[in-house]
Amino acid sequence: MQPELKLLEDTVRPPQTVEERFSTFYKQHYWMVLRYAERRISSHETARDLASETFRVAWGKFAEAEPAGLAYLYQTCKNLIGNEYRRQLRVAALEVKLRHCPDRSAGDEHSVQLREAMLSMREAEREILYLTYWEELSAQQLAKLLGCSQEAAWARVSRARKSLKHILRNGGHHV
């Protein structure tokens, strides 16, 4: 006896590929991981980024062997939240240091203007300038860190420099 075609059409086949299984895993757990992050981070945007990063990490493990499930995701997200808190503390400490740095050039008006201008820049632009000029990363290192080509990395440096010049010319205000 042959099954009716209509019955076969209505059945849902289980996911076969790793991508399909991960997609199902993602759909089942994303909102729970997002709510977990939102309860621990004040910024909704940052919580969304952390939830996405949690699944990026899970994808790396998923291809090898499926992770333990929700507990694995929560632990991964918890670790990423800890990293985010440490990053925020470093940024806050750097801002305090830049505003109140008692180094030998603190009395230099140009140095003070530069510090204030850097603090008024967008965080991504400021970070690119720090990596390029303070950390002295090469084009290759910067591109690798930013996840782009060397040309794209230098284009970002150029835009950040233009932004800094604009801020300095306008008395420290980013427009």
C-alpha atoms as a PDB file:
ATOM      1  CA  MET A   1       0.000   0.000   0.000  1.00  0.00           C
ATOM      2  CA  GLN A   2       1.376   3.407  -1.019  1.00  0.00           C
ATOM      3  CA  PRO A   3       0.899   6.491   1.197  1.00  0.00           C
ATOM      4  CA  GLU A   4      -1.224   9.249  -0.172  1.00  0.00           C
ATOM      5  CA  LEU A   5       0.775  12.140  -1.616  1.00  0.00           C
ATOM      6  CA  LYS A   6      -1.330  14.649   0.321  1.00  0.00           C
ATOM      7  CA  LEU A   7      -0.225  13.092   3.623  1.00  0.00           C
ATOM      8  CA  LEU A   8       3.445  13.321   2.620  1.00  0.00           C
ATOM      9  CA  GLU A   9       3.128  16.979   1.618  1.00  0.00           C
ATOM     10  CA  ASP A  10       1.766  17.968   5.023  1.00  0.00           C
ATOM     11  CA  THR A  11       4.525  16.350   7.022  1.00  0.00           C
ATOM     12  CA  VAL A  12       7.310  18.569   8.184  1.00  0.00           C
ATOM     13  CA  ARG A  13      10.704  17.025   7.656  1.00  0.00           C
ATOM     14  CA  PRO A  14      13.271  17.461  10.402  1.00  0.00           C
ATOM     15  CA  PRO A  15      16.146  19.829   9.582  1.00  0.00           C
ATOM     16  CA  GLN A  16      18.940  17.990   7.815  1.00  0.00           C
ATOM     17  CA  THR A  17      21.857  20.363   7.309  1.00  0.00           C
ATOM     18  CA  VAL A  18      23.881  22.030  10.042  1.00  0.00           C
ATOM     19  CA  GLU A  19      22.555  25.399   8.862  1.00  0.00           C
ATOM     20  CA  GLU A  20      18.950  24.221   9.134  1.00  0.00           C
ATOM     21  CA  ARG A  21      19.510  22.752  12.599  1.00  0.00           C
ATOM     22  CA  PHE A  22      21.224  25.958  13.746  1.00  0.00           C
ATOM     23  CA  SER A  23      18.420  28.072  12.299  1.00  0.00           C
ATOM     24  CA  THR A  24      15.902  26.053  14.316  1.00  0.00           C
ATOM     25  CA  PHE A  25      18.126  26.328  17.417  1.00  0.00           C
ATOM     26  CA  TYR A  26      18.392  30.107  16.901  1.00  0.00           C
ATOM     27  CA  LYS A  27      14.627  30.554  16.476  1.00  0.00           C
ATOM     28  CA  GLN A  28      13.928  28.537  19.632  1.00  0.00           C
ATOM     29  CA  HIS A  29      16.369  30.413  21.864  1.00  0.00           C
ATOM     30  CA  TYR A  30      17.051  33.920  20.520  1.00  0.00           C
ATOM     31  CA  TRP A  31      14.359  35.768  22.500  1.00  0.00           C
ATOM     32  CA  MET A  32      15.315  34.030  25.738  1.00  0.00           C
ATOM     33  CA  VAL A  33      18.976  34.992  25.277  1.00  0.00           C
ATOM     34  CA  LEU A  34      18.009  38.571  24.376  1.00  0.00           C
ATOM     35  CA  ARG A  35      15.844  38.904  27.507  1.00  0.00           C
ATOM     36  CA  TYR A  36      18.688  37.421  29.591  1.00  0.00           C
ATOM     37  CA  ALA A  37      21.064  40.101  28.238  1.00  0.00           C
ATOM     38  CA  GLU A  38      18.505  42.920  28.620  1.00  0.00           C
ATOM     39  CA  ARG A  39      18.049  42.139  32.301  1.00  0.00           C
ATOM     40  CA  ARG A  40      21.778  42.571  32.838  1.00  0.00           C
ATOM     41  CA  ILE A  41      22.652  45.442  30.459  1.00  0.00           C
ATOM     42  CA  SER A  42      20.946  48.831  30.485  1.00  0.00           C
ATOM     43  CA  SER A  43      21.233  49.421  26.730  1.00  0.00           C
ATOM     44  CA  HIS A  44      18.804  47.559  24.459  1.00  0.00           C
ATOM     45  CA  GLU A  45      21.212  48.015  21.525  1.00  0.00           C
ATOM     46  CA  THR A  46      24.079  46.478  23.478  1.00  0.00           C
ATOM     47  CA  ALA A  47      21.847  43.617  24.641  1.00  0.00           C
ATOM     48  CA  ARG A  48      20.941  42.887  21.014  1.00  0.00           C
ATOM     49  CA  ASP A  49      24.615  42.944  20.042  1.00  0.00           C
ATOM     50  CA  LEU A  50      25.447  40.567  22.895  1.00  0.00           C
ATOM     51  CA  ALA A  51      22.646  38.176  21.924  1.00  0.00           C
ATOM     52  CA  SER A  52      23.884  38.176  18.334  1.00  0.00           C
ATOM     53  CA  GLU A  53      27.464  37.625  19.448  1.00  0.00           C
ATOM     54  CA  THR A  54      26.288  34.745  21.666  1.00  0.00           C
ATOM     55  CA  PHE A  55      24.866  32.987  18.623  1.00  0.00           C
ATOM     56  CA  ARG A  56      27.975  33.775  16.573  1.00  0.00           C
ATOM     57  CA  VAL A  57      30.034  31.974  19.207  1.00  0.00           C
ATOM     58  CA  ALA A  58      27.478  29.158  19.339  1.00  0.00           C
ATOM     59  CA  TRP A  59      27.670  28.764  15.566  1.00  0.00           C
ATOM     60  CA  GLY A  60      31.392  28.068  15.823  1.00  0.00           C
ATOM     61  CA  LYS A  61      30.705  25.263  18.278  1.00  0.00           C
ATOM     62  CA  PHE A  62      27.562  24.109  16.489  1.00  0.00           C
ATOM     63  CA  ALA A  63      29.418  23.003  13.385  1.00  0.00           C
ATOM     64  CA  GLU A  64      31.649  20.754  15.524  1.00  0.00           C
ATOM     65  CA  ALA A  65      28.923  19.375  17.771  1.00  0.00           C
ATOM     66  CA  GLU A  66      25.662  20.876  18.913  1.00  0.00           C
ATOM     67  CA  PRO A  67      26.075  22.883  22.140  1.00  0.00           C
ATOM     68  CA  ALA A  68      24.329  21.840  25.323  1.00  0.00           C
ATOM     69  CA  GLY A  69      21.395  24.148  24.591  1.00  0.00           C
ATOM     70  CA  LEU A  70      20.038  27.080  26.528  1.00  0.00           C
ATOM     71  CA  ALA A  71      22.455  26.641  29.446  1.00  0.00           C
ATOM     72  CA  TYR A  72      25.379  26.902  27.029  1.00  0.00           C
ATOM     73  CA  LEU A  73      23.903  30.057  25.492  1.00  0.00           C
ATOM     74  CA  TYR A  74      23.337  31.662  28.902  1.00  0.00           C
ATOM     75  CA  GLN A  75      26.905  30.907  29.979  1.00  0.00           C
ATOM     76  CA  THR A  76      28.296  32.308  26.729  1.00  0.00           C
ATOM     77  CA  CYS A  77      26.137  35.421  27.060  1.00  0.00           C
ATOM     78  CA  LYS A  78      27.207  35.825  30.702  1.00  0.00           C
ATOM     79  CA  ASN A  79      30.868  35.774  29.625  1.00  0.00           C
ATOM     80  CA  LEU A  80      30.193  38.327  26.895  1.00  0.00           C
ATOM     81  CA  ILE A  81      28.359  40.574  29.378  1.00  0.00           C
ATOM     82  CA  GLY A  82      31.396  40.425  31.660  1.00  0.00           C
ATOM     83  CA  ASN A  83      33.583  41.452  28.724  1.00  0.00           C
ATOM     84  CA  GLU A  84      31.201  44.328  27.972  1.00  0.00           C
ATOM     85  CA  TYR A  85      31.313  45.592  31.573  1.00  0.00           C
ATOM     86  CA  ARG A  86      35.128  45.474  31.507  1.00  0.00           C
ATOM     87  CA  ARG A  87      35.165  47.340  28.181  1.00  0.00           C
ATOM     88  CA  GLN A  88      32.851  50.022  29.584  1.00  0.00           C
ATOM     89  CA  LEU A  89      35.093  50.427  32.632  1.00  0.00           C
ATOM     90  CA  ARG A  90      38.173  50.821  30.416  1.00  0.00           C
ATOM     91  CA  VAL A  91      36.424  53.458  28.301  1.00  0.00           C
ATOM     92  CA  ALA A  92      35.270  55.367  31.396  1.00  0.00           C
ATOM     93  CA  ALA A  93      38.764  55.212  32.916  1.00  0.00           C
ATOM     94  CA  LEU A  94      40.292  56.425  29.667  1.00  0.00           C
ATOM     95  CA  GLU A  95      37.853  59.335  29.486  1.00  0.00           C
ATOM     96  CA  VAL A  96      38.688  60.336  33.060  1.00  0.00           C
ATOM     97  CA  LYS A  97      42.387  60.037  32.314  1.00  0.00           C
ATOM     98  CA  LEU A  98      42.057  62.139  29.167  1.00  0.00           C
ATOM     99  CA  ARG A  99      40.125  64.840  31.002  1.00  0.00           C
ATOM    100  CA  HIS A 100      42.360  64.972  34.079  1.00  0.00           C
ATOM    101  CA  CYS A 101      45.697  63.623  32.918  1.00  0.00           C
ATOM    102  CA  PRO A 102      48.429  65.437  34.880  1.00  0.00           C
ATOM    103  CA  ASP A 103      51.158  64.627  32.346  1.00  0.00           C
ATOM    104  CA  ARG A 104      53.794  67.109  31.271  1.00  0.00           C
ATOM    105  CA  SER A 105      51.676  68.457  28.424  1.00  0.00           C
ATOM    106  CA  ALA A 106      48.504  69.000  30.474  1.00  0.00           C
ATOM    107  CA  GLY A 107      49.121  72.742  30.525  1.00  0.00           C
ATOM    108  CA  ASP A 108      49.613  72.835  26.778  1.00  0.00           C
ATOM    109  CA  GLU A 109      46.475  74.357  25.249  1.00  0.00           C
ATOM    110  CA  HIS A 110      46.760  72.270  22.066  1.00  0.00           C
ATOM    111  CA  SER A 111      46.993  69.066  24.058  1.00  0.00           C
ATOM    112  CA  VAL A 112      43.883  69.961  26.048  1.00  0.00           C
ATOM    113  CA  GLN A 113      42.008  70.836  22.853  1.00  0.00           C
ATOM    114  CA  LEU A 114      43.023  67.537  21.282  1.00  0.00           C
ATOM    115  CA  ARG A 115      41.844  65.573  24.321  1.00  0.00           C
ATOM    116  CA  GLU A 116      38.487  67.346  24.344  1.00  0.00           C
ATOM    117  CA  ALA A 117      38.067  66.900  20.600  1.00  0.00           C
ATOM    118  CA  MET A 118      38.864  63.186  20.872  1.00  0.00           C
ATOM    119  CA  LEU A 119      36.294  62.793  23.638  1.00  0.00           C
ATOM    120  CA  SER A 120      33.610  64.474  21.545  1.00  0.00           C
ATOM    121  CA  MET A 121      34.179  62.125  18.595  1.00  0.00           C
ATOM    122  CA  ARG A 122      32.053  59.071  17.928  1.00  0.00           C
ATOM    123  CA  GLU A 123      33.464  56.080  19.773  1.00  0.00           C
ATOM    124  CA  ALA A 124      34.266  54.103  16.606  1.00  0.00           C
ATOM    125  CA  GLU A 125      36.222  57.003  15.080  1.00  0.00           C
ATOM    126  CA  ARG A 126      38.065  57.662  18.328  1.00  0.00           C
ATOM    127  CA  GLU A 127      39.008  53.975  18.617  1.00  0.00           C
ATOM    128  CA  ILE A 128      40.397  53.919  15.067  1.00  0.00           C
ATOM    129  CA  LEU A 129      42.612  56.919  15.819  1.00  0.00           C
ATOM    130  CA  TYR A 130      43.787  55.365  19.096  1.00  0.00           C
ATOM    131  CA  LEU A 131      44.654  52.102  17.337  1.00  0.00           C
ATOM    132  CA  THR A 132      46.446  53.898  14.516  1.00  0.00           C
ATOM    133  CA  TYR A 133      48.365  56.610  16.359  1.00  0.00           C
ATOM    134  CA  TRP A 134      48.654  55.518  19.984  1.00  0.00           C
ATOM    135  CA  GLU A 135      48.852  51.737  19.524  1.00  0.00           C
ATOM    136  CA  GLU A 136      50.747  52.143  16.229  1.00  0.00           C
ATOM    137  CA  LEU A 137      48.996  49.313  14.410  1.00  0.00           C
ATOM    138  CA  SER A 138      50.053  48.690  10.838  1.00  0.00           C
ATOM    139  CA  ALA A 139      47.527  48.783   7.993  1.00  0.00           C
ATOM    140  CA  GLN A 140      47.463  44.999   7.960  1.00  0.00           C
ATOM    141  CA  GLN A 141      46.915  44.734  11.733  1.00  0.00           C
ATOM    142  CA  LEU A 142      44.219  47.408  11.712  1.00  0.00           C
ATOM    143  CA  ALA A 143      42.395  45.734   8.806  1.00  0.00           C
ATOM    144  CA  LYS A 144      42.503  42.376  10.572  1.00  0.00           C
ATOM    145  CA  LEU A 145      41.178  43.869  13.807  1.00  0.00           C
ATOM    146  CA  LEU A 146      38.376  45.712  11.992  1.00  0.00           C
ATOM    147  CA  GLY A 147      37.558  42.728   9.795  1.00  0.00           C
ATOM    148  CA  CYS A 148      37.986  44.583   6.504  1.00  0.00           C
ATOM    149  CA  SER A 149      40.515  45.177   3.720  1.00  0.00           C
ATOM    150  CA  GLN A 150      43.541  47.407   4.237  1.00  0.00           C
ATOM    151  CA  GLU A 151      42.041  49.954   1.853  1.00  0.00           C
ATOM    152  CA  ALA A 152      38.799  50.053   3.848  1.00  0.00           C
ATOM    153  CA  ALA A 153      40.759  50.384   7.106  1.00  0.00           C
ATOM    154  CA  TRP A 154      42.715  53.360   5.779  1.00  0.00           C
ATOM    155  CA  ALA A 155      39.501  54.908   4.466  1.00  0.00           C
ATOM    156  CA  ARG A 156      38.126  54.707   8.018  1.00  0.00           C
ATOM    157  CA  VAL A 157      41.307  56.298   9.369  1.00  0.00           C
ATOM    158  CA  SER A 158      40.981  59.070   6.813  1.00  0.00           C
ATOM    159  CA  ARG A 159      37.330  59.722   7.756  1.00  0.00           C
ATOM    160  CA  ALA A 160      38.219  59.743  11.453  1.00  0.00           C
ATOM    161  CA  ARG A 161      41.042  62.229  10.833  1.00  0.00           C
ATOM    162  CA  LYS A 162      38.683  64.484   8.850  1.00  0.00           C
ATOM    163  CA  SER A 163      36.164  64.284  11.665  1.00  0.00           C
ATOM    164  CA  LEU A 164      38.840  65.240  14.207  1.00  0.00           C
ATOM    165  CA  LYS A 165      39.963  68.181  12.068  1.00  0.00           C
ATOM    166  CA  HIS A 166      36.359  69.323  11.732  1.00  0.00           C
ATOM    167  CA  ILE A 167      35.836  69.161  15.495  1.00  0.00           C
ATOM    168  CA  LEU A 168      39.051  71.064  16.187  1.00  0.00           C
ATOM    169  CA  ARG A 169      38.102  73.777  13.693  1.00  0.00           C
ATOM    170  CA  ASN A 170      34.616  74.142  15.195  1.00  0.00           C
ATOM    171  CA  GLY A 171      35.773  74.617  18.755  1.00  0.00           C
ATOM    172  CA  GLY A 172      35.331  71.028  19.938  1.00  0.00           C
ATOM    173  CA  HIS A 173      31.821  70.362  18.685  1.00  0.00           C
ATOM    174  CA  HIS A 174      30.971  67.387  16.501  1.00  0.00           C
ATOM    175  CA  VAL A 175      28.434  68.305  13.849  1.00  0.00           C
END
